[in-house]
Amino acid sequence: MLKVEPLEKSYENLEFLNSTSARPIRVLCEFIEPEHRFRDHNVKNTIVFFGSARTLDAQTAQANLDAIKQKVQSEGESKYQAELNKAQTDLAMSRYYEESRQLAFKLAEWSKEFENLKHHFTICSGGGPGIMEGTNRGAKEANCKSSGLNISLPFEQEPNPYQDKDISFEFHYFFIRKFWFVYLAKAMVVFPGGFGTLDELFELLTLVQTQKIKKKIPIVIYGEKFWKEIVNFDALVKWGTISADDLNLFKFVDDVDTAFEYLKQELSKLK
């Protein structure tokens, strides 16, 4: 009698699941599994922070600058001018790491008041280094869980150690990751960043402007000098590509206390 080998179920066929044909299944997994886990951990409302993965904490930035200065003293400035300029810029930008950390701490502490209520808020970041790390770190220092919505990239995006693994995820698809940034969000804080941050900011503003998002989301753009140098919002009004009212979709802030008080005021309306 011939021996019959057991047949493989389609959903156990890893070669198929990682194939082009199974892409819709993988997309659905990234859509459904976070919902399942968020529900299990009672995460219903998030405060989302965006910002550069390249921003250093102040201690690291200062140490790097001190090391370059020692080289300059011993070997001359011309040889290390580019490194010196970068280290000085990194130190200046490190304020945003520290302020994302402070703001996340204050919001997480404040949110403890609502732990057993409908509108408890969970701090959420993109899960990587830089501003994202500062955000999760601040929440951790407040003894609060925070979420990281990580993305698989060839560089920059290593998961930071401060996010809580049970409510953090590794995404392959940018568009599903951005869905989860917005779907549970009750507020957004956008720190200085590069292409990724600009992409997230403008997609968010587009969704709000076109009323594809029905809920009111306070949007804080942190660091007015940086952002007004990078994006000339007033010129968009001048040239008629947005309306003057569109500038009311967000609020510029430059310090932790102003951002905290504004967000606390806006989020308290949800109670």
C-alpha atoms as a PDB file:
ATOM      1  CA  MET A   1       0.000   0.000   0.000  1.00  0.00           C
ATOM      2  CA  LEU A   2       1.384   3.387  -0.984  1.00  0.00           C
ATOM      3  CA  LYS A   3       2.206   5.806   1.820  1.00  0.00           C
ATOM      4  CA  VAL A   4       0.258   9.047   1.471  1.00  0.00           C
ATOM      5  CA  GLU A   5       2.131  12.163   2.495  1.00  0.00           C
ATOM      6  CA  PRO A   6       0.001  14.773   4.301  1.00  0.00           C
ATOM      7  CA  LEU A   7      -0.893  17.796   2.210  1.00  0.00           C
ATOM      8  CA  GLU A   8       0.050  21.286   3.293  1.00  0.00           C
ATOM      9  CA  LYS A   9      -2.640  23.803   4.190  1.00  0.00           C
ATOM     10  CA  SER A  10      -2.432  27.020   2.232  1.00  0.00           C
ATOM     11  CA  TYR A  11      -2.220  29.182   5.346  1.00  0.00           C
ATOM     12  CA  GLU A  12       0.785  27.140   6.543  1.00  0.00           C
ATOM     13  CA  ASN A  13       2.653  27.484   3.251  1.00  0.00           C
ATOM     14  CA  LEU A  14       5.266  30.139   4.060  1.00  0.00           C
ATOM     15  CA  GLU A  15       6.593  30.226   0.499  1.00  0.00           C
ATOM     16  CA  PHE A  16       3.114  31.129  -0.730  1.00  0.00           C
ATOM     17  CA  LEU A  17       2.452  33.604   2.107  1.00  0.00           C
ATOM     18  CA  ASN A  18       5.637  35.486   1.194  1.00  0.00           C
ATOM     19  CA  SER A  19       4.870  35.496  -2.521  1.00  0.00           C
ATOM     20  CA  THR A  20       3.508  38.318  -4.670  1.00  0.00           C
ATOM     21  CA  SER A  21       0.195  36.465  -4.979  1.00  0.00           C
ATOM     22  CA  ALA A  22      -0.334  36.580  -1.212  1.00  0.00           C
ATOM     23  CA  ARG A  23       0.275  40.327  -0.858  1.00  0.00           C
ATOM     24  CA  PRO A  24      -3.435  41.032  -0.093  1.00  0.00           C
ATOM     25  CA  ILE A  25      -3.252  38.534   2.769  1.00  0.00           C
ATOM     26  CA  ARG A  26      -0.171  40.222   4.223  1.00  0.00           C
ATOM     27  CA  VAL A  27      -1.851  43.622   3.939  1.00  0.00           C
ATOM     28  CA  LEU A  28      -4.880  42.264   5.791  1.00  0.00           C
ATOM     29  CA  CYS A  29      -2.647  40.851   8.517  1.00  0.00           C
ATOM     30  CA  GLU A  30      -1.099  44.268   9.095  1.00  0.00           C
ATOM     31  CA  PHE A  31      -4.599  45.729   9.219  1.00  0.00           C
ATOM     32  CA  ILE A  32      -6.258  43.145  11.464  1.00  0.00           C
ATOM     33  CA  GLU A  33      -3.554  41.983  13.895  1.00  0.00           C
ATOM     34  CA  PRO A  34      -2.878  45.463  15.376  1.00  0.00           C
ATOM     35  CA  GLU A  35      -6.617  45.970  15.851  1.00  0.00           C
ATOM     36  CA  HIS A  36      -6.819  42.649  17.703  1.00  0.00           C
ATOM     37  CA  ARG A  37      -3.870  43.504  19.943  1.00  0.00           C
ATOM     38  CA  PHE A  38      -4.902  47.105  20.600  1.00  0.00           C
ATOM     39  CA  ARG A  39      -8.357  45.874  21.614  1.00  0.00           C
ATOM     40  CA  ASP A  40      -6.891  43.230  23.927  1.00  0.00           C
ATOM     41  CA  HIS A  41      -4.758  45.882  25.664  1.00  0.00           C
ATOM     42  CA  ASN A  42      -7.560  48.464  25.809  1.00  0.00           C
ATOM     43  CA  VAL A  43      -5.781  50.981  23.587  1.00  0.00           C
ATOM     44  CA  LYS A  44      -8.561  53.149  22.177  1.00  0.00           C
ATOM     45  CA  ASN A  45      -7.071  56.631  21.932  1.00  0.00           C
ATOM     46  CA  THR A  46      -3.533  57.668  21.043  1.00  0.00           C
ATOM     47  CA  ILE A  47      -1.471  60.846  21.044  1.00  0.00           C
ATOM     48  CA  VAL A  48       0.891  60.419  18.106  1.00  0.00           C
ATOM     49  CA  PHE A  49       4.356  61.984  17.796  1.00  0.00           C
ATOM     50  CA  PHE A  50       6.171  62.301  14.460  1.00  0.00           C
ATOM     51  CA  GLY A  51       9.760  63.468  13.927  1.00  0.00           C
ATOM     52  CA  SER A  52      13.236  62.729  12.643  1.00  0.00           C
ATOM     53  CA  ALA A  53      14.914  59.394  13.279  1.00  0.00           C
ATOM     54  CA  ARG A  54      18.284  61.202  13.137  1.00  0.00           C
ATOM     55  CA  THR A  55      17.842  63.540  16.110  1.00  0.00           C
ATOM     56  CA  LEU A  56      20.219  62.698  18.972  1.00  0.00           C
ATOM     57  CA  ASP A  57      19.652  63.023  22.688  1.00  0.00           C
ATOM     58  CA  ALA A  58      21.477  65.965  24.246  1.00  0.00           C
ATOM     59  CA  GLN A  59      24.034  63.869  26.126  1.00  0.00           C
ATOM     60  CA  THR A  60      25.127  61.971  23.021  1.00  0.00           C
ATOM     61  CA  ALA A  61      25.173  65.116  20.883  1.00  0.00           C
ATOM     62  CA  GLN A  62      27.325  66.965  23.447  1.00  0.00           C
ATOM     63  CA  ALA A  63      29.733  64.032  23.748  1.00  0.00           C
ATOM     64  CA  ASN A  64      30.111  63.893  19.962  1.00  0.00           C
ATOM     65  CA  LEU A  65      30.808  67.627  19.778  1.00  0.00           C
ATOM     66  CA  ASP A  66      33.351  67.430  22.601  1.00  0.00           C
ATOM     67  CA  ALA A  67      35.170  64.597  20.803  1.00  0.00           C
ATOM     68  CA  ILE A  68      35.348  66.595  17.566  1.00  0.00           C
ATOM     69  CA  LYS A  69      36.597  69.666  19.433  1.00  0.00           C
ATOM     70  CA  GLN A  70      39.430  67.607  20.904  1.00  0.00           C
ATOM     71  CA  LYS A  71      40.446  66.541  17.395  1.00  0.00           C
ATOM     72  CA  VAL A  72      40.283  70.163  16.234  1.00  0.00           C
ATOM     73  CA  GLN A  73      42.544  71.280  19.073  1.00  0.00           C
ATOM     74  CA  SER A  74      45.164  68.656  18.283  1.00  0.00           C
ATOM     75  CA  GLU A  75      45.013  68.535  14.482  1.00  0.00           C
ATOM     76  CA  GLY A  76      43.471  71.803  13.315  1.00  0.00           C
ATOM     77  CA  GLU A  77      39.971  72.961  12.399  1.00  0.00           C
ATOM     78  CA  SER A  78      40.142  72.704   8.604  1.00  0.00           C
ATOM     79  CA  LYS A  79      40.450  68.926   8.622  1.00  0.00           C
ATOM     80  CA  TYR A  80      37.317  68.489  10.739  1.00  0.00           C
ATOM     81  CA  GLN A  81      35.196  71.463   9.668  1.00  0.00           C
ATOM     82  CA  ALA A  82      32.394  69.370   8.154  1.00  0.00           C
ATOM     83  CA  GLU A  83      32.276  67.085  11.198  1.00  0.00           C
ATOM     84  CA  LEU A  84      32.337  70.074  13.525  1.00  0.00           C
ATOM     85  CA  ASN A  85      29.456  71.749  11.688  1.00  0.00           C
ATOM     86  CA  LYS A  86      27.401  68.567  11.820  1.00  0.00           C
ATOM     87  CA  ALA A  87      28.108  68.013  15.518  1.00  0.00           C
ATOM     88  CA  GLN A  88      27.084  71.599  16.301  1.00  0.00           C
ATOM     89  CA  THR A  89      23.875  71.164  14.311  1.00  0.00           C
ATOM     90  CA  ASP A  90      23.175  67.849  16.020  1.00  0.00           C
ATOM     91  CA  LEU A  91      23.551  69.504  19.420  1.00  0.00           C
ATOM     92  CA  ALA A  92      21.196  72.327  18.447  1.00  0.00           C
ATOM     93  CA  MET A  93      18.646  69.814  17.148  1.00  0.00           C
ATOM     94  CA  SER A  94      18.947  67.644  20.268  1.00  0.00           C
ATOM     95  CA  ARG A  95      16.611  70.053  22.060  1.00  0.00           C
ATOM     96  CA  TYR A  96      13.787  68.464  20.069  1.00  0.00           C
ATOM     97  CA  TYR A  97      14.667  64.976  21.328  1.00  0.00           C
ATOM     98  CA  GLU A  98      14.624  66.255  24.893  1.00  0.00           C
ATOM     99  CA  GLU A  99      11.432  68.250  24.405  1.00  0.00           C
ATOM    100  CA  SER A 100       9.611  65.331  22.776  1.00  0.00           C
ATOM    101  CA  ARG A 101      10.662  63.318  25.823  1.00  0.00           C
ATOM    102  CA  GLN A 102       9.418  65.991  28.231  1.00  0.00           C
ATOM    103  CA  LEU A 103       6.124  66.500  26.407  1.00  0.00           C
ATOM    104  CA  ALA A 104       5.417  62.769  26.197  1.00  0.00           C
ATOM    105  CA  PHE A 105       6.181  62.493  29.920  1.00  0.00           C
ATOM    106  CA  LYS A 106       3.752  65.284  30.813  1.00  0.00           C
ATOM    107  CA  LEU A 107       0.976  63.938  28.588  1.00  0.00           C
ATOM    108  CA  ALA A 108       1.437  60.389  29.888  1.00  0.00           C
ATOM    109  CA  GLU A 109       1.352  61.613  33.493  1.00  0.00           C
ATOM    110  CA  TRP A 110      -1.776  63.655  32.809  1.00  0.00           C
ATOM    111  CA  SER A 111      -3.445  60.747  31.042  1.00  0.00           C
ATOM    112  CA  LYS A 112      -3.198  58.646  34.208  1.00  0.00           C
ATOM    113  CA  GLU A 113      -6.208  60.625  35.425  1.00  0.00           C
ATOM    114  CA  PHE A 114      -8.292  58.779  32.815  1.00  0.00           C
ATOM    115  CA  GLU A 115      -6.891  55.248  33.148  1.00  0.00           C
ATOM    116  CA  ASN A 116     -10.284  53.778  34.010  1.00  0.00           C
ATOM    117  CA  LEU A 117     -12.288  56.075  31.779  1.00  0.00           C
ATOM    118  CA  LYS A 118     -13.263  56.036  28.125  1.00  0.00           C
ATOM    119  CA  HIS A 119     -10.732  58.655  27.093  1.00  0.00           C
ATOM    120  CA  HIS A 120      -7.459  57.303  28.426  1.00  0.00           C
ATOM    121  CA  PHE A 121      -4.657  58.310  26.040  1.00  0.00           C
ATOM    122  CA  THR A 122      -1.718  56.139  24.981  1.00  0.00           C
ATOM    123  CA  ILE A 123       1.463  57.792  23.713  1.00  0.00           C
ATOM    124  CA  CYS A 124       2.408  56.499  20.254  1.00  0.00           C
ATOM    125  CA  SER A 125       5.451  57.018  18.027  1.00  0.00           C
ATOM    126  CA  GLY A 126       6.957  55.525  14.904  1.00  0.00           C
ATOM    127  CA  GLY A 127       8.978  53.212  17.136  1.00  0.00           C
ATOM    128  CA  GLY A 128      12.432  54.081  15.824  1.00  0.00           C
ATOM    129  CA  PRO A 129      15.322  56.242  17.092  1.00  0.00           C
ATOM    130  CA  GLY A 130      15.489  60.026  17.324  1.00  0.00           C
ATOM    131  CA  ILE A 131      12.282  61.888  18.145  1.00  0.00           C
ATOM    132  CA  MET A 132      10.463  58.558  18.237  1.00  0.00           C
ATOM    133  CA  GLU A 133      12.808  57.265  20.913  1.00  0.00           C
ATOM    134  CA  GLY A 134      12.457  60.466  22.922  1.00  0.00           C
ATOM    135  CA  THR A 135       8.682  60.081  22.806  1.00  0.00           C
ATOM    136  CA  ASN A 136       8.608  56.476  24.024  1.00  0.00           C
ATOM    137  CA  ARG A 137      11.297  57.261  26.577  1.00  0.00           C
ATOM    138  CA  GLY A 138       9.240  60.079  28.084  1.00  0.00           C
ATOM    139  CA  ALA A 139       6.221  57.810  28.443  1.00  0.00           C
ATOM    140  CA  LYS A 140       8.387  55.106  30.025  1.00  0.00           C
ATOM    141  CA  GLU A 141       9.732  57.632  32.536  1.00  0.00           C
ATOM    142  CA  ALA A 142       6.134  58.383  33.502  1.00  0.00           C
ATOM    143  CA  ASN A 143       5.627  54.634  34.116  1.00  0.00           C
ATOM    144  CA  CYS A 144       3.142  54.451  31.256  1.00  0.00           C
ATOM    145  CA  LYS A 145       2.993  52.028  28.372  1.00  0.00           C
ATOM    146  CA  SER A 146       3.514  53.464  24.912  1.00  0.00           C
ATOM    147  CA  SER A 147       3.160  52.149  21.392  1.00  0.00           C
ATOM    148  CA  GLY A 148       5.663  52.054  18.552  1.00  0.00           C
ATOM    149  CA  LEU A 149       4.532  51.630  14.954  1.00  0.00           C
ATOM    150  CA  ASN A 150       7.816  50.484  13.450  1.00  0.00           C
ATOM    151  CA  ILE A 151       8.550  50.077   9.744  1.00  0.00           C
ATOM    152  CA  SER A 152      11.075  47.732   8.118  1.00  0.00           C
ATOM    153  CA  LEU A 153      13.702  49.851   6.344  1.00  0.00           C
ATOM    154  CA  PRO A 154      17.248  49.193   5.113  1.00  0.00           C
ATOM    155  CA  PHE A 155      18.643  51.937   7.404  1.00  0.00           C
ATOM    156  CA  GLU A 156      17.713  54.267  10.300  1.00  0.00           C
ATOM    157  CA  GLN A 157      14.717  52.334  11.596  1.00  0.00           C
ATOM    158  CA  GLU A 158      15.960  50.211  14.479  1.00  0.00           C
ATOM    159  CA  PRO A 159      13.263  49.756  17.157  1.00  0.00           C
ATOM    160  CA  ASN A 160      13.975  51.856  20.230  1.00  0.00           C
ATOM    161  CA  PRO A 161      14.095  50.104  23.618  1.00  0.00           C
ATOM    162  CA  TYR A 162      11.449  52.260  25.324  1.00  0.00           C
ATOM    163  CA  GLN A 163       8.309  51.187  23.426  1.00  0.00           C
ATOM    164  CA  ASP A 164       6.194  48.427  24.967  1.00  0.00           C
ATOM    165  CA  LYS A 165       6.414  45.266  22.916  1.00  0.00           C
ATOM    166  CA  ASP A 166       2.852  44.089  23.575  1.00  0.00           C
ATOM    167  CA  ILE A 167       1.398  47.197  21.875  1.00  0.00           C
ATOM    168  CA  SER A 168       4.147  47.796  19.298  1.00  0.00           C
ATOM    169  CA  PHE A 169       4.362  46.493  15.738  1.00  0.00           C
ATOM    170  CA  GLU A 170       6.710  45.971  12.810  1.00  0.00           C
ATOM    171  CA  PHE A 171       5.044  47.029   9.550  1.00  0.00           C
ATOM    172  CA  HIS A 172       6.118  46.289   6.004  1.00  0.00           C
ATOM    173  CA  TYR A 173       3.577  48.546   4.270  1.00  0.00           C
ATOM    174  CA  PHE A 174       3.803  52.292   4.796  1.00  0.00           C
ATOM    175  CA  PHE A 175       0.141  52.921   4.009  1.00  0.00           C
ATOM    176  CA  ILE A 176      -1.099  50.489   6.663  1.00  0.00           C
ATOM    177  CA  ARG A 177       1.305  51.948   9.196  1.00  0.00           C
ATOM    178  CA  LYS A 178      -0.045  55.426   8.434  1.00  0.00           C
ATOM    179  CA  PHE A 179      -3.593  54.134   8.818  1.00  0.00           C
ATOM    180  CA  TRP A 180      -2.766  53.043  12.379  1.00  0.00           C
ATOM    181  CA  PHE A 181      -1.117  56.376  13.111  1.00  0.00           C
ATOM    182  CA  VAL A 182      -4.376  58.150  12.312  1.00  0.00           C
ATOM    183  CA  TYR A 183      -7.185  55.709  13.144  1.00  0.00           C
ATOM    184  CA  LEU A 184      -6.858  55.838  16.940  1.00  0.00           C
ATOM    185  CA  ALA A 185      -5.268  59.294  17.128  1.00  0.00           C
ATOM    186  CA  LYS A 186      -6.913  62.011  19.177  1.00  0.00           C
ATOM    187  CA  ALA A 187      -3.977  64.424  18.729  1.00  0.00           C
ATOM    188  CA  MET A 188      -0.829  64.719  16.617  1.00  0.00           C
ATOM    189  CA  VAL A 189       2.491  66.347  17.505  1.00  0.00           C
ATOM    190  CA  VAL A 190       4.880  66.910  14.597  1.00  0.00           C
ATOM    191  CA  PHE A 191       8.517  67.602  15.476  1.00  0.00           C
ATOM    192  CA  PRO A 192      11.212  68.576  12.960  1.00  0.00           C
ATOM    193  CA  GLY A 193      11.969  65.795  10.515  1.00  0.00           C
ATOM    194  CA  GLY A 194      12.813  64.847   6.964  1.00  0.00           C
ATOM    195  CA  PHE A 195      10.985  63.227   4.056  1.00  0.00           C
ATOM    196  CA  GLY A 196       9.125  60.719   6.237  1.00  0.00           C
ATOM    197  CA  THR A 197       7.874  63.361   8.650  1.00  0.00           C
ATOM    198  CA  LEU A 198       6.865  65.661   5.785  1.00  0.00           C
ATOM    199  CA  ASP A 199       5.006  62.785   4.148  1.00  0.00           C
ATOM    200  CA  GLU A 200       3.131  61.984   7.344  1.00  0.00           C
ATOM    201  CA  LEU A 201       2.336  65.641   8.066  1.00  0.00           C
ATOM    202  CA  PHE A 202       0.998  66.439   4.614  1.00  0.00           C
ATOM    203  CA  GLU A 203      -1.031  63.262   4.309  1.00  0.00           C
ATOM    204  CA  LEU A 204      -2.585  64.061   7.685  1.00  0.00           C
ATOM    205  CA  LEU A 205      -3.321  67.674   6.688  1.00  0.00           C
ATOM    206  CA  THR A 206      -4.827  66.475   3.403  1.00  0.00           C
ATOM    207  CA  LEU A 207      -7.132  64.031   5.179  1.00  0.00           C
ATOM    208  CA  VAL A 208      -8.282  66.729   7.607  1.00  0.00           C
ATOM    209  CA  GLN A 209      -8.607  69.426   4.920  1.00  0.00           C
ATOM    210  CA  THR A 210     -10.710  67.179   2.684  1.00  0.00           C
ATOM    211  CA  GLN A 211     -12.754  65.954   5.673  1.00  0.00           C
ATOM    212  CA  LYS A 212     -11.855  62.342   5.043  1.00  0.00           C
ATOM    213  CA  ILE A 213     -11.196  62.429   8.771  1.00  0.00           C
ATOM    214  CA  LYS A 214     -14.436  63.467  10.442  1.00  0.00           C
ATOM    215  CA  LYS A 215     -13.137  63.689  14.009  1.00  0.00           C
ATOM    216  CA  LYS A 216     -11.416  66.861  15.204  1.00  0.00           C
ATOM    217  CA  ILE A 217      -7.706  66.206  15.698  1.00  0.00           C
ATOM    218  CA  PRO A 218      -5.584  68.943  17.257  1.00  0.00           C
ATOM    219  CA  ILE A 219      -2.352  69.080  15.250  1.00  0.00           C
ATOM    220  CA  VAL A 220       0.676  70.658  16.919  1.00  0.00           C
ATOM    221  CA  ILE A 221       3.613  71.565  14.687  1.00  0.00           C
ATOM    222  CA  TYR A 222       6.568  71.880  17.030  1.00  0.00           C
ATOM    223  CA  GLY A 223       9.431  74.225  16.207  1.00  0.00           C
ATOM    224  CA  GLU A 224       8.038  77.196  14.279  1.00  0.00           C
ATOM    225  CA  LYS A 225      11.390  78.511  13.047  1.00  0.00           C
ATOM    226  CA  PHE A 226      12.358  75.139  11.584  1.00  0.00           C
ATOM    227  CA  TRP A 227       9.015  74.507   9.940  1.00  0.00           C
ATOM    228  CA  LYS A 228       8.559  77.977   8.459  1.00  0.00           C
ATOM    229  CA  GLU A 229      11.998  77.710   6.887  1.00  0.00           C
ATOM    230  CA  ILE A 230      11.181  74.280   5.447  1.00  0.00           C
ATOM    231  CA  VAL A 231       7.592  74.959   4.334  1.00  0.00           C
ATOM    232  CA  ASN A 232       6.280  78.381   3.315  1.00  0.00           C
ATOM    233  CA  PHE A 233       2.664  77.909   4.342  1.00  0.00           C
ATOM    234  CA  ASP A 234       1.878  81.597   3.800  1.00  0.00           C
ATOM    235  CA  ALA A 235       3.083  81.323   0.188  1.00  0.00           C
ATOM    236  CA  LEU A 236       0.583  78.502  -0.384  1.00  0.00           C
ATOM    237  CA  VAL A 237      -2.162  80.929   0.663  1.00  0.00           C
ATOM    238  CA  LYS A 238      -0.651  83.757  -1.402  1.00  0.00           C
ATOM    239  CA  TRP A 239      -0.620  81.628  -4.548  1.00  0.00           C
ATOM    240  CA  GLY A 240      -4.137  80.353  -3.909  1.00  0.00           C
ATOM    241  CA  THR A 241      -3.281  76.689  -3.572  1.00  0.00           C
ATOM    242  CA  ILE A 242      -4.763  76.528  -0.073  1.00  0.00           C
ATOM    243  CA  SER A 243      -7.208  78.827   1.682  1.00  0.00           C
ATOM    244  CA  ALA A 244      -6.343  81.074   4.597  1.00  0.00           C
ATOM    245  CA  ASP A 245      -8.649  78.957   6.775  1.00  0.00           C
ATOM    246  CA  ASP A 246      -6.443  75.931   6.127  1.00  0.00           C
ATOM    247  CA  LEU A 247      -3.785  77.513   8.335  1.00  0.00           C
ATOM    248  CA  ASN A 248      -6.170  76.929  11.242  1.00  0.00           C
ATOM    249  CA  LEU A 249      -5.864  73.159  10.815  1.00  0.00           C
ATOM    250  CA  PHE A 250      -2.689  73.210  12.925  1.00  0.00           C
ATOM    251  CA  LYS A 251      -0.960  75.213  15.630  1.00  0.00           C
ATOM    252  CA  PHE A 252       2.716  76.153  15.834  1.00  0.00           C
ATOM    253  CA  VAL A 253       4.336  75.831  19.253  1.00  0.00           C
ATOM    254  CA  ASP A 254       7.900  76.311  20.476  1.00  0.00           C
ATOM    255  CA  ASP A 255       7.955  74.992  24.027  1.00  0.00           C
ATOM    256  CA  VAL A 256       6.763  72.019  26.036  1.00  0.00           C
ATOM    257  CA  ASP A 257       4.441  73.901  28.390  1.00  0.00           C
ATOM    258  CA  THR A 258       2.546  75.646  25.594  1.00  0.00           C
ATOM    259  CA  ALA A 259       2.114  72.380  23.701  1.00  0.00           C
ATOM    260  CA  PHE A 260       1.004  70.545  26.837  1.00  0.00           C
ATOM    261  CA  GLU A 261      -1.541  73.151  27.884  1.00  0.00           C
ATOM    262  CA  TYR A 262      -2.997  73.375  24.380  1.00  0.00           C
ATOM    263  CA  LEU A 263      -3.297  69.597  24.000  1.00  0.00           C
ATOM    264  CA  LYS A 264      -4.692  69.174  27.495  1.00  0.00           C
ATOM    265  CA  GLN A 265      -7.338  71.814  26.764  1.00  0.00           C
ATOM    266  CA  GLU A 266      -8.306  70.244  23.436  1.00  0.00           C
ATOM    267  CA  LEU A 267      -8.278  66.638  24.661  1.00  0.00           C
ATOM    268  CA  SER A 268     -10.286  67.504  27.765  1.00  0.00           C
ATOM    269  CA  LYS A 269     -13.184  68.344  25.462  1.00  0.00           C
ATOM    270  CA  LEU A 270     -13.486  64.606  24.725  1.00  0.00           C
ATOM    271  CA  LYS A 271     -14.413  63.755  28.328  1.00  0.00           C
END
